[in-house]
Amino acid sequence: MFKKISDFGLNTAFVHMVAFSDAFYKSDIYPYSSYIAGKEGASLSFDPFAVLLSSAKKYGVEVHGWINPFRVSHKNDPSLLSAKNPAKLILDSGNADGDVCILPNGIYYNPASPAVHARIISGVKEILGKYDIAGIHIDDYFYPSTDKSVDEKQYSAYTAKGGKLSLKDWRISSVNAFVSSLYSAVKAVDPSLTVSISPAAQRDKNKNTLYADCDLWLSTSGYADIIIPQIYFGFRHEKCDFNSMLAQWGGLKRHSGMRLLCGIAAYKCGKEDKYAGSGSKEWLESSDIMLRQAQSIAANKNYDGFVVYSYSDISRKSCSEEMKRLREYIKNNGN
């Protein structure tokens, strides 16, 4: 895997370590992920992440540990969780503080709970204490729903004490508190470690649905070192065309230590983009989209590079022409 990454000309990998309140590494907090062990909580005789990290170092690829902090399961049946899953333990003990939410779209940790924040950060500290990685990465999973039930207990307690923030602003402040605490915890381990976040590209969605104040994180130190908006759209997307989104994020204020990278969508190569309206066939009809996107990113002085999602698409047959052009561009331009 890392030989392919290196040969492609890429220098960094964001590798999943916690995807669903589970672990892709040997953890004392989370059960092994079903993606790595076949069944959540199954035993392994070796540490898969240690093996992966050794290979990455061999090929000179920098590794950042990727976590999905609040996501527990895409299914809403707690009986499917391992007995060792922290969320299952909370539910089995009564979930008195509402730290776990069971919603139609799955099971999630409550982003407003300080106890949840502390548990997640304990996992981050465990990772950084065990492995020589370059940083911690989180993506766009913040609030799982706009429904009032998610954090009703915490918000009621807040207003009962005289709190005046609207539910929206209070939720934003809760997510900000988590991100700030995570950042501080990582820097306390080693100031040279990097904290990166890859939010959704639609800024209104971030603020109004996920309650993620990306503008603040970009402009104010103490939240992140790198922001990677997921601009997973083609040039012909009807509502979110690539150039417009690139310019929008590039025009935002950022603090002096902030690096802005652009996430681009290898996973769409050779496929219909059904939400793109009149541009739905673009990824089927063109094989140079990612090349042109890389060129656009390089031409925008506000960006420091790009990130390809995902690794599995680099060698996908239906993406071969697209990847050939992107690889040649990287080779010739040293990006």
C-alpha atoms as a PDB file:
ATOM      1  CA  MET A   1       0.000   0.000   0.000  1.00  0.00           C
ATOM      2  CA  PHE A   2       2.615   2.545   1.023  1.00  0.00           C
ATOM      3  CA  LYS A   3       4.831   1.661  -1.921  1.00  0.00           C
ATOM      4  CA  LYS A   4       1.895   2.552  -4.189  1.00  0.00           C
ATOM      5  CA  ILE A   5       1.356   5.802  -2.315  1.00  0.00           C
ATOM      6  CA  SER A   6       5.030   6.705  -2.552  1.00  0.00           C
ATOM      7  CA  ASP A   7       5.296   5.695  -6.210  1.00  0.00           C
ATOM      8  CA  PHE A   8       2.263   7.858  -6.965  1.00  0.00           C
ATOM      9  CA  GLY A   9       4.130  10.867  -5.583  1.00  0.00           C
ATOM     10  CA  LEU A  10       2.014  11.344  -2.471  1.00  0.00           C
ATOM     11  CA  ASN A  11       3.791  11.872   0.852  1.00  0.00           C
ATOM     12  CA  THR A  12       1.139  11.575   3.581  1.00  0.00           C
ATOM     13  CA  ALA A  13      -1.580   9.094   4.557  1.00  0.00           C
ATOM     14  CA  PHE A  14      -4.547   9.751   6.823  1.00  0.00           C
ATOM     15  CA  VAL A  15      -5.210   6.292   8.245  1.00  0.00           C
ATOM     16  CA  HIS A  16      -8.343   5.288  10.119  1.00  0.00           C
ATOM     17  CA  MET A  17      -7.678   4.387  13.747  1.00  0.00           C
ATOM     18  CA  VAL A  18     -11.154   4.920  15.242  1.00  0.00           C
ATOM     19  CA  ALA A  19     -14.086   4.732  12.820  1.00  0.00           C
ATOM     20  CA  PHE A  20     -17.096   3.640  14.922  1.00  0.00           C
ATOM     21  CA  SER A  21     -16.129   3.697  18.607  1.00  0.00           C
ATOM     22  CA  ASP A  22     -13.805   0.856  17.657  1.00  0.00           C
ATOM     23  CA  ALA A  23     -10.106   0.454  16.952  1.00  0.00           C
ATOM     24  CA  PHE A  24      -7.847  -0.366  14.039  1.00  0.00           C
ATOM     25  CA  TYR A  25      -5.039  -0.681  16.586  1.00  0.00           C
ATOM     26  CA  LYS A  26      -4.443  -2.593  19.824  1.00  0.00           C
ATOM     27  CA  SER A  27      -6.512  -0.584  22.297  1.00  0.00           C
ATOM     28  CA  ASP A  28      -7.416  -0.803  25.962  1.00  0.00           C
ATOM     29  CA  ILE A  29     -10.390   1.514  25.351  1.00  0.00           C
ATOM     30  CA  TYR A  30     -12.055   0.320  22.152  1.00  0.00           C
ATOM     31  CA  PRO A  31     -12.748  -3.162  20.748  1.00  0.00           C
ATOM     32  CA  TYR A  32     -11.113  -4.130  17.475  1.00  0.00           C
ATOM     33  CA  SER A  33     -13.102  -2.902  14.491  1.00  0.00           C
ATOM     34  CA  SER A  34     -15.045  -5.395  12.395  1.00  0.00           C
ATOM     35  CA  TYR A  35     -13.171  -3.945   9.413  1.00  0.00           C
ATOM     36  CA  ILE A  36      -9.900  -5.231  10.817  1.00  0.00           C
ATOM     37  CA  ALA A  37     -10.945  -8.314  12.819  1.00  0.00           C
ATOM     38  CA  GLY A  38     -13.986  -9.551  10.883  1.00  0.00           C
ATOM     39  CA  LYS A  39     -16.269  -8.996  13.872  1.00  0.00           C
ATOM     40  CA  GLU A  40     -16.277  -6.096  16.308  1.00  0.00           C
ATOM     41  CA  GLY A  41     -14.451  -7.094  19.464  1.00  0.00           C
ATOM     42  CA  ALA A  42     -12.781 -10.187  18.009  1.00  0.00           C
ATOM     43  CA  SER A  43      -9.213 -10.904  19.113  1.00  0.00           C
ATOM     44  CA  LEU A  44      -6.078 -10.566  17.028  1.00  0.00           C
ATOM     45  CA  SER A  45      -2.676 -12.050  17.738  1.00  0.00           C
ATOM     46  CA  PHE A  46      -0.841  -8.971  16.458  1.00  0.00           C
ATOM     47  CA  ASP A  47      -1.189  -5.193  16.326  1.00  0.00           C
ATOM     48  CA  PRO A  48      -2.229  -4.332  12.741  1.00  0.00           C
ATOM     49  CA  PHE A  49      -1.486  -0.638  13.077  1.00  0.00           C
ATOM     50  CA  ALA A  50       2.070  -1.320  14.249  1.00  0.00           C
ATOM     51  CA  VAL A  51       2.617  -3.399  11.113  1.00  0.00           C
ATOM     52  CA  LEU A  52       1.109  -0.664   8.942  1.00  0.00           C
ATOM     53  CA  LEU A  53       3.231   2.040  10.536  1.00  0.00           C
ATOM     54  CA  SER A  54       6.403   0.043   9.970  1.00  0.00           C
ATOM     55  CA  SER A  55       5.590  -0.220   6.268  1.00  0.00           C
ATOM     56  CA  ALA A  56       4.809   3.502   6.021  1.00  0.00           C
ATOM     57  CA  LYS A  57       8.165   4.410   7.527  1.00  0.00           C
ATOM     58  CA  LYS A  58       9.927   2.063   5.113  1.00  0.00           C
ATOM     59  CA  TYR A  59       8.544   4.021   2.155  1.00  0.00           C
ATOM     60  CA  GLY A  60       8.829   7.474   3.704  1.00  0.00           C
ATOM     61  CA  VAL A  61       5.097   8.146   4.000  1.00  0.00           C
ATOM     62  CA  GLU A  62       3.966  10.327   6.911  1.00  0.00           C
ATOM     63  CA  VAL A  63       0.993   8.902   8.839  1.00  0.00           C
ATOM     64  CA  HIS A  64      -1.755  10.834  10.621  1.00  0.00           C
ATOM     65  CA  GLY A  65      -4.230   8.949  12.821  1.00  0.00           C
ATOM     66  CA  TRP A  66      -7.789   9.471  11.582  1.00  0.00           C
ATOM     67  CA  ILE A  67     -10.651   9.279  14.080  1.00  0.00           C
ATOM     68  CA  ASN A  68     -14.422   9.744  13.760  1.00  0.00           C
ATOM     69  CA  PRO A  69     -15.079  11.050  17.259  1.00  0.00           C
ATOM     70  CA  PHE A  70     -18.866  10.872  17.687  1.00  0.00           C
ATOM     71  CA  ARG A  71     -19.867   8.050  15.355  1.00  0.00           C
ATOM     72  CA  VAL A  72     -20.745   4.670  16.930  1.00  0.00           C
ATOM     73  CA  SER A  73     -22.718   2.745  14.293  1.00  0.00           C
ATOM     74  CA  HIS A  74     -24.650   3.317  11.070  1.00  0.00           C
ATOM     75  CA  LYS A  75     -27.213   0.859  12.442  1.00  0.00           C
ATOM     76  CA  ASN A  76     -29.437   1.777  15.368  1.00  0.00           C
ATOM     77  CA  ASP A  77     -29.483  -1.631  17.065  1.00  0.00           C
ATOM     78  CA  PRO A  78     -27.275  -1.588  20.205  1.00  0.00           C
ATOM     79  CA  SER A  79     -27.304  -5.382  20.369  1.00  0.00           C
ATOM     80  CA  LEU A  80     -24.986  -5.413  17.355  1.00  0.00           C
ATOM     81  CA  LEU A  81     -22.253  -3.616  19.322  1.00  0.00           C
ATOM     82  CA  SER A  82     -19.467  -5.517  21.014  1.00  0.00           C
ATOM     83  CA  ALA A  83     -19.823  -5.912  24.769  1.00  0.00           C
ATOM     84  CA  LYS A  84     -16.484  -4.068  24.971  1.00  0.00           C
ATOM     85  CA  ASN A  85     -17.692  -1.055  23.012  1.00  0.00           C
ATOM     86  CA  PRO A  86     -17.751   1.995  25.335  1.00  0.00           C
ATOM     87  CA  ALA A  87     -21.117   3.041  23.891  1.00  0.00           C
ATOM     88  CA  LYS A  88     -22.594  -0.378  24.682  1.00  0.00           C
ATOM     89  CA  LEU A  89     -21.268  -0.161  28.240  1.00  0.00           C
ATOM     90  CA  ILE A  90     -22.925   3.239  28.669  1.00  0.00           C
ATOM     91  CA  LEU A  91     -26.239   2.005  27.272  1.00  0.00           C
ATOM     92  CA  ASP A  92     -26.188  -1.152  29.389  1.00  0.00           C
ATOM     93  CA  SER A  93     -25.606   0.928  32.514  1.00  0.00           C
ATOM     94  CA  GLY A  94     -28.691   3.046  31.820  1.00  0.00           C
ATOM     95  CA  ASN A  95     -27.276   5.991  29.814  1.00  0.00           C
ATOM     96  CA  ALA A  96     -28.490   8.293  32.594  1.00  0.00           C
ATOM     97  CA  ASP A  97     -26.609  11.327  31.278  1.00  0.00           C
ATOM     98  CA  GLY A  98     -27.658  10.829  27.675  1.00  0.00           C
ATOM     99  CA  ASP A  99     -24.081  10.362  26.492  1.00  0.00           C
ATOM    100  CA  VAL A 100     -25.208   8.006  23.716  1.00  0.00           C
ATOM    101  CA  CYS A 101     -27.953   8.816  21.189  1.00  0.00           C
ATOM    102  CA  ILE A 102     -29.919   6.191  19.268  1.00  0.00           C
ATOM    103  CA  LEU A 103     -31.312   7.834  16.135  1.00  0.00           C
ATOM    104  CA  PRO A 104     -32.993   6.559  12.962  1.00  0.00           C
ATOM    105  CA  ASN A 105     -29.676   6.954  11.106  1.00  0.00           C
ATOM    106  CA  GLY A 106     -27.529   5.168  13.681  1.00  0.00           C
ATOM    107  CA  ILE A 107     -25.932   5.388  17.113  1.00  0.00           C
ATOM    108  CA  TYR A 108     -23.771   8.352  18.116  1.00  0.00           C
ATOM    109  CA  TYR A 109     -22.029   9.884  21.082  1.00  0.00           C
ATOM    110  CA  ASN A 110     -23.592  13.118  22.307  1.00  0.00           C
ATOM    111  CA  PRO A 111     -21.377  16.010  21.108  1.00  0.00           C
ATOM    112  CA  ALA A 112     -22.607  18.211  23.981  1.00  0.00           C
ATOM    113  CA  SER A 113     -21.402  15.890  26.741  1.00  0.00           C
ATOM    114  CA  PRO A 114     -18.134  16.838  28.490  1.00  0.00           C
ATOM    115  CA  ALA A 115     -17.851  13.194  29.590  1.00  0.00           C
ATOM    116  CA  VAL A 116     -17.963  12.126  25.942  1.00  0.00           C
ATOM    117  CA  HIS A 117     -15.289  14.678  25.083  1.00  0.00           C
ATOM    118  CA  ALA A 118     -13.087  13.266  27.852  1.00  0.00           C
ATOM    119  CA  ARG A 119     -13.542   9.668  26.652  1.00  0.00           C
ATOM    120  CA  ILE A 120     -12.649  10.544  23.076  1.00  0.00           C
ATOM    121  CA  ILE A 121      -9.595  12.497  24.168  1.00  0.00           C
ATOM    122  CA  SER A 122      -8.507   9.550  26.331  1.00  0.00           C
ATOM    123  CA  GLY A 123      -8.498   7.487  23.153  1.00  0.00           C
ATOM    124  CA  VAL A 124      -6.417  10.109  21.359  1.00  0.00           C
ATOM    125  CA  LYS A 125      -3.904  10.131  24.216  1.00  0.00           C
ATOM    126  CA  GLU A 126      -3.738   6.344  24.044  1.00  0.00           C
ATOM    127  CA  ILE A 127      -2.953   6.500  20.326  1.00  0.00           C
ATOM    128  CA  LEU A 128      -0.256   9.135  20.746  1.00  0.00           C
ATOM    129  CA  GLY A 129       1.265   7.231  23.656  1.00  0.00           C
ATOM    130  CA  LYS A 130       1.572   4.035  21.615  1.00  0.00           C
ATOM    131  CA  TYR A 131       2.548   5.150  18.116  1.00  0.00           C
ATOM    132  CA  ASP A 132       5.015   7.481  16.444  1.00  0.00           C
ATOM    133  CA  ILE A 133       2.620   9.289  14.121  1.00  0.00           C
ATOM    134  CA  ALA A 134       2.590  12.849  12.792  1.00  0.00           C
ATOM    135  CA  GLY A 135      -0.781  13.939  14.106  1.00  0.00           C
ATOM    136  CA  ILE A 136      -4.489  13.385  14.638  1.00  0.00           C
ATOM    137  CA  HIS A 137      -7.138  13.876  11.961  1.00  0.00           C
ATOM    138  CA  ILE A 138     -10.921  14.212  12.296  1.00  0.00           C
ATOM    139  CA  ASP A 139     -13.415  14.558   9.469  1.00  0.00           C
ATOM    140  CA  ASP A 140     -16.928  15.903   9.040  1.00  0.00           C
ATOM    141  CA  TYR A 141     -18.905  13.870  11.596  1.00  0.00           C
ATOM    142  CA  PHE A 142     -19.925  16.313  14.321  1.00  0.00           C
ATOM    143  CA  TYR A 143     -23.605  16.611  15.265  1.00  0.00           C
ATOM    144  CA  PRO A 144     -25.522  13.595  13.910  1.00  0.00           C
ATOM    145  CA  SER A 145     -28.873  15.377  13.691  1.00  0.00           C
ATOM    146  CA  THR A 146     -30.609  18.702  14.184  1.00  0.00           C
ATOM    147  CA  ASP A 147     -33.217  16.938  16.343  1.00  0.00           C
ATOM    148  CA  LYS A 148     -33.646  18.474  19.788  1.00  0.00           C
ATOM    149  CA  SER A 149     -33.547  15.059  21.469  1.00  0.00           C
ATOM    150  CA  VAL A 150     -29.816  14.611  20.801  1.00  0.00           C
ATOM    151  CA  ASP A 151     -28.714  16.871  23.651  1.00  0.00           C
ATOM    152  CA  GLU A 152     -32.009  17.858  25.271  1.00  0.00           C
ATOM    153  CA  LYS A 153     -30.829  17.016  28.781  1.00  0.00           C
ATOM    154  CA  GLN A 154     -27.657  19.108  28.531  1.00  0.00           C
ATOM    155  CA  TYR A 155     -29.352  22.088  26.866  1.00  0.00           C
ATOM    156  CA  SER A 156     -32.167  22.082  29.429  1.00  0.00           C
ATOM    157  CA  ALA A 157     -29.599  22.107  32.227  1.00  0.00           C
ATOM    158  CA  TYR A 158     -27.798  24.992  30.505  1.00  0.00           C
ATOM    159  CA  THR A 159     -30.923  27.150  30.152  1.00  0.00           C
ATOM    160  CA  ALA A 160     -32.072  26.278  33.685  1.00  0.00           C
ATOM    161  CA  LYS A 161     -28.877  27.889  34.939  1.00  0.00           C
ATOM    162  CA  GLY A 162     -29.634  31.067  33.000  1.00  0.00           C
ATOM    163  CA  GLY A 163     -27.894  30.256  29.716  1.00  0.00           C
ATOM    164  CA  LYS A 164     -29.002  32.553  26.910  1.00  0.00           C
ATOM    165  CA  LEU A 165     -27.507  31.009  23.772  1.00  0.00           C
ATOM    166  CA  SER A 166     -29.891  29.628  21.171  1.00  0.00           C
ATOM    167  CA  LEU A 167     -29.773  25.861  20.652  1.00  0.00           C
ATOM    168  CA  LYS A 168     -27.802  26.391  17.436  1.00  0.00           C
ATOM    169  CA  ASP A 169     -25.204  28.675  19.020  1.00  0.00           C
ATOM    170  CA  TRP A 170     -24.936  26.466  22.092  1.00  0.00           C
ATOM    171  CA  ARG A 171     -24.305  23.405  19.925  1.00  0.00           C
ATOM    172  CA  ILE A 172     -21.648  25.299  17.994  1.00  0.00           C
ATOM    173  CA  SER A 173     -19.994  26.249  21.294  1.00  0.00           C
ATOM    174  CA  SER A 174     -20.079  22.577  22.390  1.00  0.00           C
ATOM    175  CA  VAL A 175     -18.321  21.438  19.215  1.00  0.00           C
ATOM    176  CA  ASN A 176     -15.816  24.280  19.546  1.00  0.00           C
ATOM    177  CA  ALA A 177     -15.103  23.202  23.127  1.00  0.00           C
ATOM    178  CA  PHE A 178     -14.438  19.648  21.970  1.00  0.00           C
ATOM    179  CA  VAL A 179     -12.147  20.677  19.111  1.00  0.00           C
ATOM    180  CA  SER A 180     -10.225  23.071  21.357  1.00  0.00           C
ATOM    181  CA  SER A 181      -9.815  20.405  24.064  1.00  0.00           C
ATOM    182  CA  LEU A 182      -8.640  17.862  21.512  1.00  0.00           C
ATOM    183  CA  TYR A 183      -6.119  20.335  20.113  1.00  0.00           C
ATOM    184  CA  SER A 184      -4.768  21.169  23.579  1.00  0.00           C
ATOM    185  CA  ALA A 185      -4.478  17.482  24.484  1.00  0.00           C
ATOM    186  CA  VAL A 186      -2.517  16.689  21.323  1.00  0.00           C
ATOM    187  CA  LYS A 187      -0.169  19.645  21.773  1.00  0.00           C
ATOM    188  CA  ALA A 188       0.393  18.696  25.436  1.00  0.00           C
ATOM    189  CA  VAL A 189       1.813  15.381  24.239  1.00  0.00           C
ATOM    190  CA  ASP A 190       4.074  17.021  21.653  1.00  0.00           C
ATOM    191  CA  PRO A 191       3.741  20.564  20.237  1.00  0.00           C
ATOM    192  CA  SER A 192       5.092  19.375  16.891  1.00  0.00           C
ATOM    193  CA  LEU A 193       2.132  17.035  16.363  1.00  0.00           C
ATOM    194  CA  THR A 194      -0.474  18.220  13.871  1.00  0.00           C
ATOM    195  CA  VAL A 195      -4.237  18.455  14.288  1.00  0.00           C
ATOM    196  CA  SER A 196      -6.148  18.393  11.007  1.00  0.00           C
ATOM    197  CA  ILE A 197      -9.853  18.557  10.212  1.00  0.00           C
ATOM    198  CA  SER A 198     -11.609  17.761   6.922  1.00  0.00           C
ATOM    199  CA  PRO A 199     -15.054  19.393   7.077  1.00  0.00           C
ATOM    200  CA  ALA A 200     -17.800  19.187   4.503  1.00  0.00           C
ATOM    201  CA  ALA A 201     -17.349  21.676   1.671  1.00  0.00           C
ATOM    202  CA  GLN A 202     -20.754  23.310   2.129  1.00  0.00           C
ATOM    203  CA  ARG A 203     -20.191  25.950   4.791  1.00  0.00           C
ATOM    204  CA  ASP A 204     -23.894  26.437   5.481  1.00  0.00           C
ATOM    205  CA  LYS A 205     -24.231  22.710   6.180  1.00  0.00           C
ATOM    206  CA  ASN A 206     -21.294  22.857   8.577  1.00  0.00           C
ATOM    207  CA  LYS A 207     -22.760  25.728  10.574  1.00  0.00           C
ATOM    208  CA  ASN A 208     -26.478  24.915  10.454  1.00  0.00           C
ATOM    209  CA  THR A 209     -26.580  21.104  10.428  1.00  0.00           C
ATOM    210  CA  LEU A 210     -23.284  19.813  11.832  1.00  0.00           C
ATOM    211  CA  TYR A 211     -22.732  22.860  14.092  1.00  0.00           C
ATOM    212  CA  ALA A 212     -19.099  23.095  13.021  1.00  0.00           C
ATOM    213  CA  ASP A 213     -17.672  26.630  13.026  1.00  0.00           C
ATOM    214  CA  CYS A 214     -14.970  26.077  10.433  1.00  0.00           C
ATOM    215  CA  ASP A 215     -14.486  29.816   9.897  1.00  0.00           C
ATOM    216  CA  LEU A 216     -13.429  30.118  13.543  1.00  0.00           C
ATOM    217  CA  TRP A 217     -11.093  27.133  13.327  1.00  0.00           C
ATOM    218  CA  LEU A 218      -9.438  28.603  10.249  1.00  0.00           C
ATOM    219  CA  SER A 219      -9.025  32.106  11.617  1.00  0.00           C
ATOM    220  CA  THR A 220      -8.201  31.462  15.273  1.00  0.00           C
ATOM    221  CA  SER A 221      -5.273  29.498  16.678  1.00  0.00           C
ATOM    222  CA  GLY A 222      -5.976  26.713  19.146  1.00  0.00           C
ATOM    223  CA  TYR A 223      -8.324  24.575  17.062  1.00  0.00           C
ATOM    224  CA  ALA A 224      -6.426  23.113  14.119  1.00  0.00           C
ATOM    225  CA  ASP A 225      -3.200  23.330  12.140  1.00  0.00           C
ATOM    226  CA  ILE A 226      -4.635  22.085   8.848  1.00  0.00           C
ATOM    227  CA  ILE A 227      -8.125  22.380   7.362  1.00  0.00           C
ATOM    228  CA  ILE A 228      -9.006  20.163   4.389  1.00  0.00           C
ATOM    229  CA  PRO A 229     -12.446  21.026   2.981  1.00  0.00           C
ATOM    230  CA  GLN A 230     -13.936  18.059   1.163  1.00  0.00           C
ATOM    231  CA  ILE A 231     -14.485  19.722  -2.207  1.00  0.00           C
ATOM    232  CA  TYR A 232     -15.719  16.480  -3.708  1.00  0.00           C
ATOM    233  CA  PHE A 233     -17.420  18.051  -6.719  1.00  0.00           C
ATOM    234  CA  GLY A 234     -16.778  18.330 -10.419  1.00  0.00           C
ATOM    235  CA  PHE A 235     -16.499  21.526 -12.432  1.00  0.00           C
ATOM    236  CA  ARG A 236     -20.032  21.034 -13.790  1.00  0.00           C
ATOM    237  CA  HIS A 237     -21.813  20.331 -10.498  1.00  0.00           C
ATOM    238  CA  GLU A 238     -25.036  22.347 -10.632  1.00  0.00           C
ATOM    239  CA  LYS A 239     -25.002  23.642  -7.050  1.00  0.00           C
ATOM    240  CA  CYS A 240     -21.427  23.260  -5.792  1.00  0.00           C
ATOM    241  CA  ASP A 241     -19.079  23.514  -8.749  1.00  0.00           C
ATOM    242  CA  PHE A 242     -15.429  22.940  -7.901  1.00  0.00           C
ATOM    243  CA  ASN A 243     -14.067  26.343  -8.883  1.00  0.00           C
ATOM    244  CA  SER A 244     -16.655  28.246  -6.839  1.00  0.00           C
ATOM    245  CA  MET A 245     -16.085  26.117  -3.747  1.00  0.00           C
ATOM    246  CA  LEU A 246     -12.306  26.365  -4.139  1.00  0.00           C
ATOM    247  CA  ALA A 247     -12.486  30.154  -4.320  1.00  0.00           C
ATOM    248  CA  GLN A 248     -14.912  30.353  -1.407  1.00  0.00           C
ATOM    249  CA  TRP A 249     -12.676  28.420   1.001  1.00  0.00           C
ATOM    250  CA  GLY A 250      -9.538  30.067  -0.318  1.00  0.00           C
ATOM    251  CA  GLY A 251     -10.977  33.491   0.430  1.00  0.00           C
ATOM    252  CA  LEU A 252     -11.541  32.859   4.125  1.00  0.00           C
ATOM    253  CA  LYS A 253      -9.367  34.444   6.792  1.00  0.00           C
ATOM    254  CA  ARG A 254      -6.871  32.075   8.418  1.00  0.00           C
ATOM    255  CA  HIS A 255      -4.431  32.348  11.283  1.00  0.00           C
ATOM    256  CA  SER A 256      -0.692  32.481  10.639  1.00  0.00           C
ATOM    257  CA  GLY A 257      -0.040  28.822  11.458  1.00  0.00           C
ATOM    258  CA  MET A 258      -2.915  27.444   9.404  1.00  0.00           C
ATOM    259  CA  ARG A 259      -2.399  25.365   6.268  1.00  0.00           C
ATOM    260  CA  LEU A 260      -5.294  24.973   3.849  1.00  0.00           C
ATOM    261  CA  LEU A 261      -5.404  21.836   1.709  1.00  0.00           C
ATOM    262  CA  CYS A 262      -8.129  20.784  -0.712  1.00  0.00           C
ATOM    263  CA  GLY A 263      -9.766  17.366  -0.567  1.00  0.00           C
ATOM    264  CA  ILE A 264     -10.516  15.956  -4.040  1.00  0.00           C
ATOM    265  CA  ALA A 265     -12.754  13.010  -4.907  1.00  0.00           C
ATOM    266  CA  ALA A 266     -10.983  10.103  -6.560  1.00  0.00           C
ATOM    267  CA  TYR A 267     -13.900   7.931  -5.485  1.00  0.00           C
ATOM    268  CA  LYS A 268     -16.153   9.637  -8.063  1.00  0.00           C
ATOM    269  CA  CYS A 269     -13.944   8.782 -11.048  1.00  0.00           C
ATOM    270  CA  GLY A 270     -15.805   6.821 -13.702  1.00  0.00           C
ATOM    271  CA  LYS A 271     -19.124   7.051 -11.860  1.00  0.00           C
ATOM    272  CA  GLU A 272     -22.344   8.981 -12.184  1.00  0.00           C
ATOM    273  CA  ASP A 273     -22.614  11.848  -9.702  1.00  0.00           C
ATOM    274  CA  LYS A 274     -26.360  11.619  -9.107  1.00  0.00           C
ATOM    275  CA  TYR A 275     -26.590  14.755  -6.948  1.00  0.00           C
ATOM    276  CA  ALA A 276     -24.776  16.991  -9.457  1.00  0.00           C
ATOM    277  CA  GLY A 277     -27.853  17.865 -11.527  1.00  0.00           C
ATOM    278  CA  SER A 278     -26.911  18.673 -15.106  1.00  0.00           C
ATOM    279  CA  GLY A 279     -23.310  17.731 -14.292  1.00  0.00           C
ATOM    280  CA  SER A 280     -24.154  14.187 -13.229  1.00  0.00           C
ATOM    281  CA  LYS A 281     -22.305  12.601 -16.186  1.00  0.00           C
ATOM    282  CA  GLU A 282     -19.112  14.651 -15.827  1.00  0.00           C
ATOM    283  CA  TRP A 283     -17.090  11.953 -14.057  1.00  0.00           C
ATOM    284  CA  LEU A 284     -18.179   9.447 -16.719  1.00  0.00           C
ATOM    285  CA  GLU A 285     -17.424  11.685 -19.688  1.00  0.00           C
ATOM    286  CA  SER A 286     -14.090  13.186 -18.566  1.00  0.00           C
ATOM    287  CA  SER A 287     -10.834  11.581 -17.491  1.00  0.00           C
ATOM    288  CA  ASP A 288      -8.847  14.697 -16.589  1.00  0.00           C
ATOM    289  CA  ILE A 289     -10.987  16.205 -13.818  1.00  0.00           C
ATOM    290  CA  MET A 290      -8.519  15.578 -11.017  1.00  0.00           C
ATOM    291  CA  LEU A 291      -5.628  16.833 -13.133  1.00  0.00           C
ATOM    292  CA  ARG A 292      -7.476  20.103 -13.752  1.00  0.00           C
ATOM    293  CA  GLN A 293      -8.427  20.318 -10.097  1.00  0.00           C
ATOM    294  CA  ALA A 294      -4.793  19.868  -9.040  1.00  0.00           C
ATOM    295  CA  GLN A 295      -3.821  22.624 -11.473  1.00  0.00           C
ATOM    296  CA  SER A 296      -6.522  24.936 -10.095  1.00  0.00           C
ATOM    297  CA  ILE A 297      -5.375  24.292  -6.533  1.00  0.00           C
ATOM    298  CA  ALA A 298      -1.750  25.000  -7.437  1.00  0.00           C
ATOM    299  CA  ALA A 299      -2.771  28.251  -9.122  1.00  0.00           C
ATOM    300  CA  ASN A 300      -4.557  29.469  -5.984  1.00  0.00           C
ATOM    301  CA  LYS A 301      -1.931  30.933  -3.647  1.00  0.00           C
ATOM    302  CA  ASN A 302      -4.165  30.381  -0.619  1.00  0.00           C
ATOM    303  CA  TYR A 303      -3.792  26.596  -0.801  1.00  0.00           C
ATOM    304  CA  ASP A 304      -0.870  24.487   0.354  1.00  0.00           C
ATOM    305  CA  GLY A 305      -1.680  21.288  -1.536  1.00  0.00           C
ATOM    306  CA  PHE A 306      -4.364  18.652  -1.952  1.00  0.00           C
ATOM    307  CA  VAL A 307      -5.508  15.352  -0.443  1.00  0.00           C
ATOM    308  CA  VAL A 308      -6.923  12.494  -2.522  1.00  0.00           C
ATOM    309  CA  TYR A 309      -9.894  10.518  -1.200  1.00  0.00           C
ATOM    310  CA  SER A 310      -9.501   7.627  -1.192  1.00  0.00           C
ATOM    311  CA  TYR A 311      -6.498   5.332  -1.442  1.00  0.00           C
ATOM    312  CA  SER A 312      -8.518   2.445  -2.878  1.00  0.00           C
ATOM    313  CA  ASP A 313      -9.339   4.503  -5.966  1.00  0.00           C
ATOM    314  CA  ILE A 314      -5.722   5.127  -6.934  1.00  0.00           C
ATOM    315  CA  SER A 315      -5.521   1.695  -8.542  1.00  0.00           C
ATOM    316  CA  ARG A 316      -9.199   1.228  -9.483  1.00  0.00           C
ATOM    317  CA  LYS A 317      -9.462   0.149 -13.124  1.00  0.00           C
ATOM    318  CA  SER A 318     -12.286   2.536 -14.010  1.00  0.00           C
ATOM    319  CA  CYS A 319     -10.148   5.381 -12.657  1.00  0.00           C
ATOM    320  CA  SER A 320      -6.931   4.468 -14.473  1.00  0.00           C
ATOM    321  CA  GLU A 321      -6.835   7.304 -17.041  1.00  0.00           C
ATOM    322  CA  GLU A 322      -7.719   9.909 -14.430  1.00  0.00           C
ATOM    323  CA  MET A 323      -5.024   8.618 -12.074  1.00  0.00           C
ATOM    324  CA  LYS A 324      -2.437   8.366 -14.851  1.00  0.00           C
ATOM    325  CA  ARG A 325      -2.833  12.065 -15.621  1.00  0.00           C
ATOM    326  CA  LEU A 326      -2.785  13.090 -11.952  1.00  0.00           C
ATOM    327  CA  ARG A 327       0.272  10.970 -11.234  1.00  0.00           C
ATOM    328  CA  GLU A 328       2.151  12.487 -14.169  1.00  0.00           C
ATOM    329  CA  TYR A 329       1.236  15.972 -12.981  1.00  0.00           C
ATOM    330  CA  ILE A 330       2.548  15.257  -9.483  1.00  0.00           C
ATOM    331  CA  LYS A 331       5.732  13.786 -10.927  1.00  0.00           C
ATOM    332  CA  ASN A 332       6.372  16.876 -13.049  1.00  0.00           C
ATOM    333  CA  ASN A 333       5.380  19.472 -10.478  1.00  0.00           C
ATOM    334  CA  GLY A 334       6.546  17.999  -7.175  1.00  0.00           C
ATOM    335  CA  ASN A 335       3.233  18.569  -5.346  1.00  0.00           C
END
